[in-house]
Amino acid sequence: MKNILRMSFMAVVFLVVSCGKSENKEEEIIHFPEVSNSLNDIKVKLGETFQIQGTGFSKDKEYVVTFEPNQKGKIIEITDKYLKVEVPQNAISGEITLTFNGKTKVVGTIIIQKEYELYAYRRDYTNTNNYLKQLVKIDVNTGNQTVVSNLEFEGAYFTDLIFSENERNIIGFIATPSNGTALLKVNIDTGKSKTVLLSDEQRISFNYLVKDDKGDMYAYRRDNVDMDNYLKQLVKIDASTGNQTIVSNLEFEGTYFEDLVFDEKEKTIMGFTTTLSGGRSLLKVNMNTGKSTTTLLSDKQGINFDYLVKDDKGYIYAYRRDYTDTNNYLKQLVKIDTNTGNQTIVSNLDIEGKYFTDLVFDEEGKHIMGLTTTPSGSKILLKVNVNTGKNTKILLSNKKEISFNDLIFIPKK
């Protein structure tokens, strides 16, 4: 009898313990946090913090936030409503994942906003016995310059600069001793330069380097070796060998295809051409088919357009000079509708000289920047806010003997 009672008691204890364990297991079920805020293509900088908002977060739990390519973000703060995360220095644009309790979910996407520095080609012939040709970095707030490289080549100009991120090279055109054309590549980390010949033929010229979304390089090539067969071509250039592949044999009235920019959405390279009447058109060349279309901007001889530039949203701008009324010389930054050719005035520019050249877009400050010269020969960096039209002038040099050209923004390493 005692044995039966003992066994019954043990059974009851077992049931109680088992039930207790079962209840504890139910209590230990932990739900994945619910993420509530939209993290689709948010723009952040390396080292910045942002919040992953939601419910079900706990200070006592461990979370892992991963950026591409497999970079763990530092979690700065945890509350029941959000995680505050620091973007790691080696992160790139792409998906963000949240890992918790062995499960991983995609919680959004980010776009890394890189910090950029401004570079230019500077010529200094103050000392005629020591002609300086330099690649310089410009402080956009003070105008101060730092020499990156003292260049050694035989010509005077280093033009149409683009940047190769893979090699960390600034690439541009220089003239050969025989008046041909070569590529000059300058490494911005070491200052070392290398030359790649494109053509040593005087009657073959290259202008307006432009880069597509894959990093491939293109230019406008004119070939008038055979005067009965004047060739105007858009070519793709191999930056290592100098070899060229024809993308399109262009047919337009004028001589030049200028100020080229790449349109990622339409896969076109566009630039200015001049009409027979002296007006200006926008020529667009499809990269896949080679077909070109022309959009008239103005057929008036007294209206000129120069220096196309694209902003971070893909909109196209240019410098427009209107001197049809000699008593009211207009110098304007305009936004161009590339389908219709219509223009919207962004700013009536406050400059003494005629030209606003070498335009670049500053993504951080939402400025279009360019170079202008005063009547006394001072060189000015002009910044135009694309939202307000406000002009800001930064002095680069007050010497006539110092000139700047071919501004280019480069992402910080």
Protein backbone atom coordinates (compact mmCIF):
# COMPACT_ATOMS: atom_id res chain seq x y z
CA MET A 1 0.00 0.00 0.00
CA LYS A 2 2.84 2.34 0.93
CA ASN A 3 4.51 1.55 -2.37
CA ILE A 4 1.32 2.42 -4.25
CA LEU A 5 1.01 5.75 -2.39
CA ARG A 6 4.67 6.51 -2.99
CA MET A 7 4.31 5.83 -6.70
CA SER A 8 1.16 7.95 -6.89
CA PHE A 9 2.92 10.84 -5.16
CA MET A 10 5.89 10.62 -7.53
CA ALA A 11 3.55 10.59 -10.51
CA VAL A 12 1.84 13.75 -9.27
CA VAL A 13 5.21 15.44 -8.72
CA PHE A 14 6.32 14.39 -12.23
CA LEU A 15 3.15 15.84 -13.74
CA VAL A 16 3.56 19.11 -11.84
CA VAL A 17 7.22 19.43 -12.88
CA SER A 18 6.40 18.50 -16.48
CA CYS A 19 3.60 21.06 -16.63
CA GLY A 20 5.92 23.66 -15.13
CA LYS A 21 8.53 22.93 -17.76
CA SER A 22 5.90 23.12 -20.50
CA GLU A 23 4.67 26.45 -19.21
CA ASN A 24 8.27 27.75 -19.07
CA LYS A 25 8.77 26.67 -22.68
CA GLU A 26 5.70 28.65 -23.73
CA GLU A 27 7.00 31.67 -21.87
CA GLU A 28 10.37 31.39 -23.67
CA ILE A 29 8.87 31.72 -27.17
CA ILE A 30 10.44 34.94 -28.50
CA HIS A 31 8.99 36.77 -31.48
CA PHE A 32 11.08 38.48 -34.17
CA PRO A 33 10.74 42.28 -33.83
CA GLU A 34 8.24 43.99 -36.12
CA VAL A 35 10.02 46.65 -38.20
CA SER A 36 7.67 49.55 -38.90
CA ASN A 37 9.62 52.31 -40.65
CA SER A 38 10.31 52.31 -44.37
CA LEU A 39 14.01 51.79 -45.04
CA ASN A 40 13.81 51.78 -48.82
CA ASP A 41 16.83 53.49 -50.41
CA ILE A 42 17.52 55.76 -47.46
CA LYS A 43 20.59 57.94 -48.02
CA VAL A 44 23.32 57.74 -45.37
CA LYS A 45 27.03 58.44 -45.09
CA LEU A 46 29.68 56.07 -43.80
CA GLY A 47 29.91 56.43 -40.01
CA GLU A 48 26.47 58.03 -39.69
CA THR A 49 23.73 56.57 -37.49
CA PHE A 50 20.10 55.84 -38.32
CA GLN A 51 17.16 54.10 -36.63
CA ILE A 52 15.47 50.80 -37.40
CA GLN A 53 12.07 51.51 -35.87
CA GLY A 54 9.47 48.97 -34.78
CA THR A 55 8.13 47.01 -31.80
CA GLY A 56 9.41 44.08 -29.79
CA PHE A 57 12.99 45.24 -29.34
CA SER A 58 14.60 44.58 -25.95
CA LYS A 59 17.77 45.88 -24.29
CA ASP A 60 18.37 42.39 -22.90
CA LYS A 61 18.48 40.73 -26.33
CA GLU A 62 21.21 40.49 -28.93
CA TYR A 63 20.71 41.82 -32.47
CA VAL A 64 22.99 41.89 -35.50
CA VAL A 65 22.52 44.42 -38.33
CA THR A 66 24.46 43.53 -41.49
CA PHE A 67 25.25 45.75 -44.48
CA GLU A 68 26.64 44.71 -47.84
CA PRO A 69 29.19 43.22 -48.34
CA ASN A 70 28.81 41.31 -45.04
CA GLN A 71 29.68 44.33 -42.87
CA LYS A 72 28.33 44.35 -39.29
CA GLY A 73 26.92 47.66 -38.06
CA LYS A 74 27.62 48.88 -34.54
CA ILE A 75 24.41 49.07 -32.49
CA ILE A 76 24.59 52.33 -30.53
CA GLU A 77 21.27 52.21 -28.68
CA ILE A 78 18.37 49.80 -28.10
CA THR A 79 14.90 50.78 -26.88
CA ASP A 80 11.60 48.94 -27.13
CA LYS A 81 10.81 51.04 -30.22
CA TYR A 82 14.05 51.18 -32.22
CA LEU A 83 17.65 50.15 -32.81
CA LYS A 84 20.14 52.94 -33.49
CA VAL A 85 22.86 51.66 -35.82
CA GLU A 86 26.16 53.10 -37.07
CA VAL A 87 26.97 52.52 -40.75
CA PRO A 88 30.34 50.66 -41.00
CA GLN A 89 33.17 52.30 -42.94
CA ASN A 90 33.35 49.57 -45.59
CA ALA A 91 29.61 49.32 -46.25
CA ILE A 92 28.25 49.75 -49.78
CA SER A 93 24.79 50.53 -51.09
CA GLY A 94 22.37 47.59 -50.90
CA GLU A 95 20.26 45.50 -48.52
CA ILE A 96 20.29 45.70 -44.72
CA THR A 97 19.48 42.56 -42.72
CA LEU A 98 18.49 42.09 -39.08
CA THR A 99 19.50 38.86 -37.33
CA PHE A 100 17.81 37.84 -34.07
CA ASN A 101 17.43 34.52 -32.27
CA GLY A 102 18.93 32.63 -35.22
CA LYS A 103 16.68 34.22 -37.85
CA THR A 104 17.69 36.78 -40.47
CA LYS A 105 15.35 39.10 -42.38
CA VAL A 106 15.89 41.88 -44.91
CA VAL A 107 14.65 45.10 -43.29
CA GLY A 108 15.48 47.64 -46.00
CA THR A 109 17.96 49.10 -48.47
CA ILE A 110 20.39 52.00 -48.20
CA ILE A 111 22.28 54.25 -50.58
CA ILE A 112 25.72 55.22 -49.32
CA GLN A 113 26.33 58.92 -49.91
CA LYS A 114 30.03 59.30 -50.51
CA GLU A 115 31.99 62.37 -49.49
CA TYR A 116 33.62 64.07 -52.44
CA GLU A 117 36.64 66.31 -52.95
CA LEU A 118 37.13 68.79 -55.79
CA TYR A 119 40.13 68.57 -58.13
CA ALA A 120 41.26 70.67 -61.10
CA TYR A 121 44.11 71.20 -63.54
CA ARG A 122 46.13 74.34 -62.67
CA ARG A 123 48.65 76.09 -64.92
CA ASP A 124 51.04 78.56 -63.32
CA TYR A 125 53.30 80.52 -65.64
CA THR A 126 54.18 83.31 -63.18
CA ASN A 127 57.81 82.27 -63.57
CA THR A 128 58.44 81.88 -67.31
CA ASN A 129 61.48 79.72 -66.54
CA ASN A 130 59.41 77.35 -64.43
CA TYR A 131 56.07 76.66 -66.14
CA LEU A 132 54.02 74.64 -63.63
CA LYS A 133 51.37 72.17 -64.77
CA GLN A 134 49.67 70.71 -61.73
CA LEU A 135 46.78 68.57 -60.59
CA VAL A 136 45.39 70.25 -57.46
CA LYS A 137 42.74 69.56 -54.84
CA ILE A 138 40.51 72.57 -54.04
CA ASP A 139 38.84 73.38 -50.72
CA VAL A 140 35.35 74.41 -51.88
CA ASN A 141 34.84 76.64 -48.82
CA THR A 142 38.13 78.56 -48.80
CA GLY A 143 39.50 78.16 -52.33
CA ASN A 144 42.81 76.89 -50.95
CA GLN A 145 44.63 74.39 -53.16
CA THR A 146 46.84 71.40 -52.43
CA VAL A 147 49.16 70.07 -55.13
CA VAL A 148 48.46 66.40 -55.88
CA SER A 149 50.92 66.03 -58.74
CA ASN A 150 53.40 68.16 -60.69
CA LEU A 151 52.70 66.99 -64.21
CA GLU A 152 55.31 66.50 -66.89
CA PHE A 153 54.09 66.47 -70.46
CA GLU A 154 54.99 68.50 -73.52
CA GLY A 155 51.70 70.25 -74.27
CA ALA A 156 49.95 73.00 -72.33
CA TYR A 157 46.57 71.48 -71.50
CA PHE A 158 45.18 68.51 -69.57
CA THR A 159 41.50 68.41 -70.51
CA ASP A 160 38.16 66.58 -70.21
CA LEU A 161 38.97 64.91 -66.91
CA ILE A 162 37.18 61.80 -65.63
CA PHE A 163 37.90 59.52 -62.68
CA SER A 164 38.54 55.76 -62.70
CA GLU A 165 37.54 54.42 -59.27
CA ASN A 166 39.16 51.02 -59.82
CA GLU A 167 42.61 52.44 -60.51
CA ARG A 168 42.18 55.70 -58.53
CA ASN A 169 43.29 57.60 -61.64
CA ILE A 170 42.22 60.95 -63.03
CA ILE A 171 42.27 60.56 -66.81
CA GLY A 172 42.30 63.29 -69.44
CA PHE A 173 43.58 64.29 -72.87
CA ILE A 174 46.98 65.80 -73.68
CA ALA A 175 48.51 66.68 -77.05
CA THR A 176 51.51 64.74 -78.39
CA PRO A 177 54.57 66.56 -79.85
CA SER A 178 53.20 65.87 -83.36
CA ASN A 179 49.80 67.34 -82.34
CA GLY A 180 48.22 63.94 -81.95
CA THR A 181 46.31 62.97 -78.80
CA ALA A 182 47.17 60.81 -75.79
CA LEU A 183 45.53 59.89 -72.50
CA LEU A 184 47.28 61.04 -69.34
CA LYS A 185 46.42 58.99 -66.24
CA VAL A 186 47.35 60.46 -62.85
CA ASN A 187 47.02 58.38 -59.67
CA ILE A 188 45.60 60.68 -56.98
CA ASP A 189 47.16 58.68 -54.14
CA THR A 190 50.73 58.54 -55.44
CA GLY A 191 50.80 61.44 -57.91
CA LYS A 192 52.43 59.18 -60.50
CA SER A 193 51.32 59.55 -64.11
CA LYS A 194 51.24 57.38 -67.21
CA THR A 195 50.60 58.19 -70.88
CA VAL A 196 48.61 56.08 -73.36
CA LEU A 197 48.72 57.06 -77.04
CA LEU A 198 45.39 57.38 -78.86
CA SER A 199 46.61 58.73 -82.20
CA ASP A 200 49.73 60.50 -83.43
CA GLU A 201 47.89 61.74 -86.51
CA GLN A 202 47.32 65.51 -86.46
CA ARG A 203 44.03 65.25 -88.33
CA ILE A 204 42.46 62.89 -85.81
CA SER A 205 41.27 64.66 -82.68
CA PHE A 206 39.50 63.57 -79.50
CA ASN A 207 37.29 65.62 -77.19
CA TYR A 208 34.95 65.33 -74.24
CA LEU A 209 35.63 62.17 -72.30
CA VAL A 210 32.58 60.70 -70.56
CA LYS A 211 32.03 57.61 -68.43
CA ASP A 212 28.95 55.34 -68.39
CA ASP A 213 27.36 53.54 -65.42
CA LYS A 214 29.74 50.58 -65.86
CA GLY A 215 32.87 52.73 -65.81
CA ASP A 216 33.51 52.38 -69.56
CA MET A 217 34.98 55.46 -71.24
CA TYR A 218 33.80 57.24 -74.39
CA ALA A 219 34.80 60.30 -76.42
CA TYR A 220 34.00 62.27 -79.56
CA ARG A 221 36.51 61.56 -82.34
CA ARG A 222 36.91 63.65 -85.50
CA ASP A 223 38.82 62.14 -88.40
CA ASN A 224 39.52 64.43 -91.35
CA VAL A 225 42.51 62.58 -92.77
CA ASP A 226 40.41 62.04 -95.89
CA MET A 227 38.82 65.43 -96.63
CA ASP A 228 36.25 63.75 -98.86
CA ASN A 229 35.16 61.53 -95.99
CA TYR A 230 35.03 63.67 -92.83
CA LEU A 231 34.24 61.27 -89.98
CA LYS A 232 32.46 62.37 -86.80
CA GLN A 233 32.25 59.45 -84.40
CA LEU A 234 31.37 58.48 -80.86
CA VAL A 235 33.98 55.93 -79.76
CA LYS A 236 34.58 53.70 -76.76
CA ILE A 237 38.18 53.86 -75.50
CA ASP A 238 40.19 51.16 -73.80
CA ALA A 239 42.07 53.19 -71.18
CA SER A 240 44.84 50.58 -70.92
CA THR A 241 45.69 50.23 -74.62
CA GLY A 242 44.19 53.34 -76.22
CA ASN A 243 42.26 51.18 -78.69
CA GLN A 244 38.93 52.57 -79.87
CA THR A 245 35.65 50.95 -80.88
CA ILE A 246 33.13 52.92 -82.93
CA VAL A 247 29.76 53.26 -81.19
CA SER A 248 28.17 55.54 -83.76
CA ASN A 249 29.02 57.36 -86.99
CA LEU A 250 27.37 60.70 -86.27
CA GLU A 251 25.46 62.80 -88.76
CA PHE A 252 24.92 66.41 -87.80
CA GLU A 253 25.47 69.77 -89.44
CA GLY A 254 28.24 71.28 -87.33
CA THR A 255 31.78 70.21 -86.52
CA TYR A 256 31.70 69.55 -82.78
CA PHE A 257 29.83 67.29 -80.35
CA GLU A 258 30.50 68.99 -77.03
CA ASP A 259 30.12 68.72 -73.23
CA LEU A 260 29.08 65.07 -73.16
CA VAL A 261 27.07 63.55 -70.30
CA PHE A 262 25.69 60.04 -69.81
CA ASP A 263 21.98 59.43 -69.14
CA GLU A 264 21.69 56.20 -67.17
CA LYS A 265 17.92 55.80 -67.64
CA GLU A 266 17.88 56.09 -71.42
CA LYS A 267 21.40 54.68 -71.97
CA THR A 268 22.30 57.66 -74.10
CA ILE A 269 25.27 59.99 -74.34
CA MET A 270 24.16 63.53 -75.03
CA GLY A 271 25.96 66.73 -75.92
CA PHE A 272 25.69 70.02 -77.80
CA THR A 273 25.95 70.56 -81.55
CA THR A 274 25.69 73.80 -83.53
CA THR A 275 23.09 74.32 -86.26
CA LEU A 276 23.93 75.86 -89.66
CA SER A 277 22.21 79.08 -88.56
CA GLY A 278 24.44 79.28 -85.47
CA GLY A 279 21.85 77.96 -83.03
CA ARG A 280 22.29 75.07 -80.62
CA SER A 281 20.86 71.55 -80.46
CA LEU A 282 21.08 68.63 -78.06
CA LEU A 283 22.27 65.43 -79.75
CA LYS A 284 21.46 62.14 -78.00
CA VAL A 285 23.20 58.91 -79.03
CA ASN A 286 21.81 55.55 -77.91
CA MET A 287 24.66 53.39 -76.60
CA ASN A 288 23.05 50.10 -77.60
CA THR A 289 21.88 50.94 -81.12
CA GLY A 290 24.13 53.85 -82.12
CA LYS A 291 21.04 55.75 -83.29
CA SER A 292 20.97 59.48 -82.64
CA THR A 293 18.19 62.04 -82.18
CA THR A 294 18.40 65.83 -82.19
CA THR A 295 16.43 68.26 -80.02
CA LEU A 296 16.58 71.98 -80.86
CA LEU A 297 17.44 74.30 -77.97
CA SER A 298 17.58 77.59 -79.87
CA ASP A 299 17.94 78.63 -83.51
CA LYS A 300 19.04 82.15 -82.60
CA GLN A 301 22.64 83.10 -83.22
CA GLY A 302 22.81 85.27 -80.09
CA ILE A 303 21.91 82.47 -77.66
CA ASN A 304 24.62 80.03 -76.70
CA PHE A 305 24.75 76.94 -74.44
CA ASP A 306 27.82 75.40 -72.81
CA TYR A 307 28.89 72.89 -70.17
CA LEU A 308 26.17 70.32 -69.64
CA VAL A 309 26.04 68.89 -66.12
CA LYS A 310 23.81 66.29 -64.46
CA ASP A 311 22.54 66.35 -60.86
CA ASP A 312 21.94 63.41 -58.50
CA LYS A 313 18.37 62.98 -59.79
CA GLY A 314 19.40 62.82 -63.44
CA TYR A 315 18.27 66.35 -64.37
CA ILE A 316 20.39 68.21 -66.93
CA TYR A 317 21.65 71.78 -66.56
CA ALA A 318 23.76 74.13 -68.68
CA TYR A 319 25.17 77.64 -68.84
CA ARG A 320 23.17 79.82 -71.24
CA ARG A 321 24.37 83.16 -72.59
CA ASP A 322 21.79 85.39 -74.28
CA TYR A 323 23.21 88.48 -75.94
CA THR A 324 20.42 89.09 -78.47
CA ASP A 325 19.79 92.37 -76.62
CA THR A 326 23.18 94.08 -76.34
CA ASN A 327 21.84 96.28 -73.55
CA ASN A 328 20.75 93.27 -71.49
CA TYR A 329 23.42 90.55 -71.61
CA LEU A 330 21.92 87.52 -69.84
CA LYS A 331 24.14 84.94 -68.15
CA GLN A 332 22.01 82.13 -66.77
CA LEU A 333 22.10 78.65 -65.31
CA VAL A 334 19.21 76.73 -66.87
CA LYS A 335 17.60 73.33 -66.43
CA ILE A 336 16.92 71.57 -69.75
CA ASP A 337 14.09 69.21 -70.62
CA THR A 338 16.00 66.75 -72.81
CA ASN A 339 12.85 65.60 -74.62
CA THR A 340 11.49 69.01 -75.63
CA GLY A 341 14.53 71.27 -75.37
CA ASN A 342 12.58 73.65 -73.11
CA GLN A 343 14.63 75.50 -70.51
CA THR A 344 13.85 76.73 -67.00
CA ILE A 345 15.98 79.46 -65.44
CA VAL A 346 17.62 78.30 -62.20
CA SER A 347 19.67 81.45 -61.62
CA ASN A 348 20.56 84.75 -63.26
CA LEU A 349 24.28 84.69 -62.56
CA ASP A 350 26.16 87.48 -60.85
CA ILE A 351 29.48 87.29 -62.70
CA GLU A 352 31.71 89.94 -64.27
CA GLY A 353 33.16 87.84 -67.07
CA LYS A 354 31.36 86.19 -69.98
CA TYR A 355 31.87 82.55 -69.16
CA PHE A 356 30.87 80.02 -66.49
CA THR A 357 32.92 76.95 -67.35
CA ASP A 358 33.75 73.36 -66.35
CA LEU A 359 30.52 72.76 -64.44
CA VAL A 360 30.24 70.00 -61.83
CA PHE A 361 27.47 69.03 -59.40
CA ASP A 362 28.06 69.03 -55.64
CA GLU A 363 25.69 66.38 -54.26
CA GLU A 364 26.21 67.33 -50.62
CA GLY A 365 25.57 71.07 -50.95
CA LYS A 366 23.16 70.81 -53.91
CA HIS A 367 25.33 73.27 -55.84
CA ILE A 368 26.47 73.47 -59.40
CA MET A 369 30.04 74.77 -59.35
CA GLY A 370 32.11 76.22 -62.13
CA LEU A 371 34.93 78.59 -62.98
CA THR A 372 34.68 82.23 -63.95
CA THR A 373 37.25 84.97 -64.58
CA THR A 374 37.02 88.65 -63.64
CA PRO A 375 38.11 91.43 -66.05
CA SER A 376 41.28 91.85 -63.96
CA GLY A 377 42.15 88.16 -64.44
CA SER A 378 41.18 86.81 -61.02
CA LYS A 379 39.93 83.22 -61.05
CA ILE A 380 36.71 82.53 -59.14
CA LEU A 381 34.91 79.34 -58.11
CA LEU A 382 31.19 80.12 -58.45
CA LYS A 383 28.71 77.96 -56.54
CA VAL A 384 25.03 78.10 -57.55
CA ASN A 385 22.42 76.51 -55.29
CA VAL A 386 20.05 74.60 -57.59
CA ASN A 387 17.14 74.97 -55.15
CA THR A 388 17.43 78.70 -54.35
CA GLY A 389 19.51 80.07 -57.24
CA LYS A 390 21.83 81.78 -54.73
CA ASN A 391 25.35 82.54 -55.98
CA THR A 392 28.47 82.19 -53.81
CA LYS A 393 31.94 83.26 -55.00
CA ILE A 394 35.21 81.77 -53.75
CA LEU A 395 38.52 83.34 -54.85
CA LEU A 396 41.03 80.84 -56.27
CA SER A 397 43.71 83.25 -57.47
CA ASN A 398 44.05 86.96 -58.26
CA LYS A 399 46.97 86.39 -60.64
CA LYS A 400 46.50 86.55 -64.40
CA GLU A 401 49.28 84.00 -64.85
CA ILE A 402 47.45 81.25 -62.96
CA SER A 403 44.58 79.46 -64.68
CA PHE A 404 42.29 76.56 -63.79
CA ASN A 405 40.25 74.20 -65.91
CA ASP A 406 38.40 70.87 -65.84
CA LEU A 407 36.88 70.62 -62.38
CA ILE A 408 36.10 67.10 -61.19
CA PHE A 409 34.59 65.71 -57.98
CA ILE A 410 36.18 62.51 -56.64
CA PRO A 411 34.92 60.32 -53.76
CA LYS A 412 37.10 60.25 -50.66
CA LYS A 413 39.00 57.02 -50.17
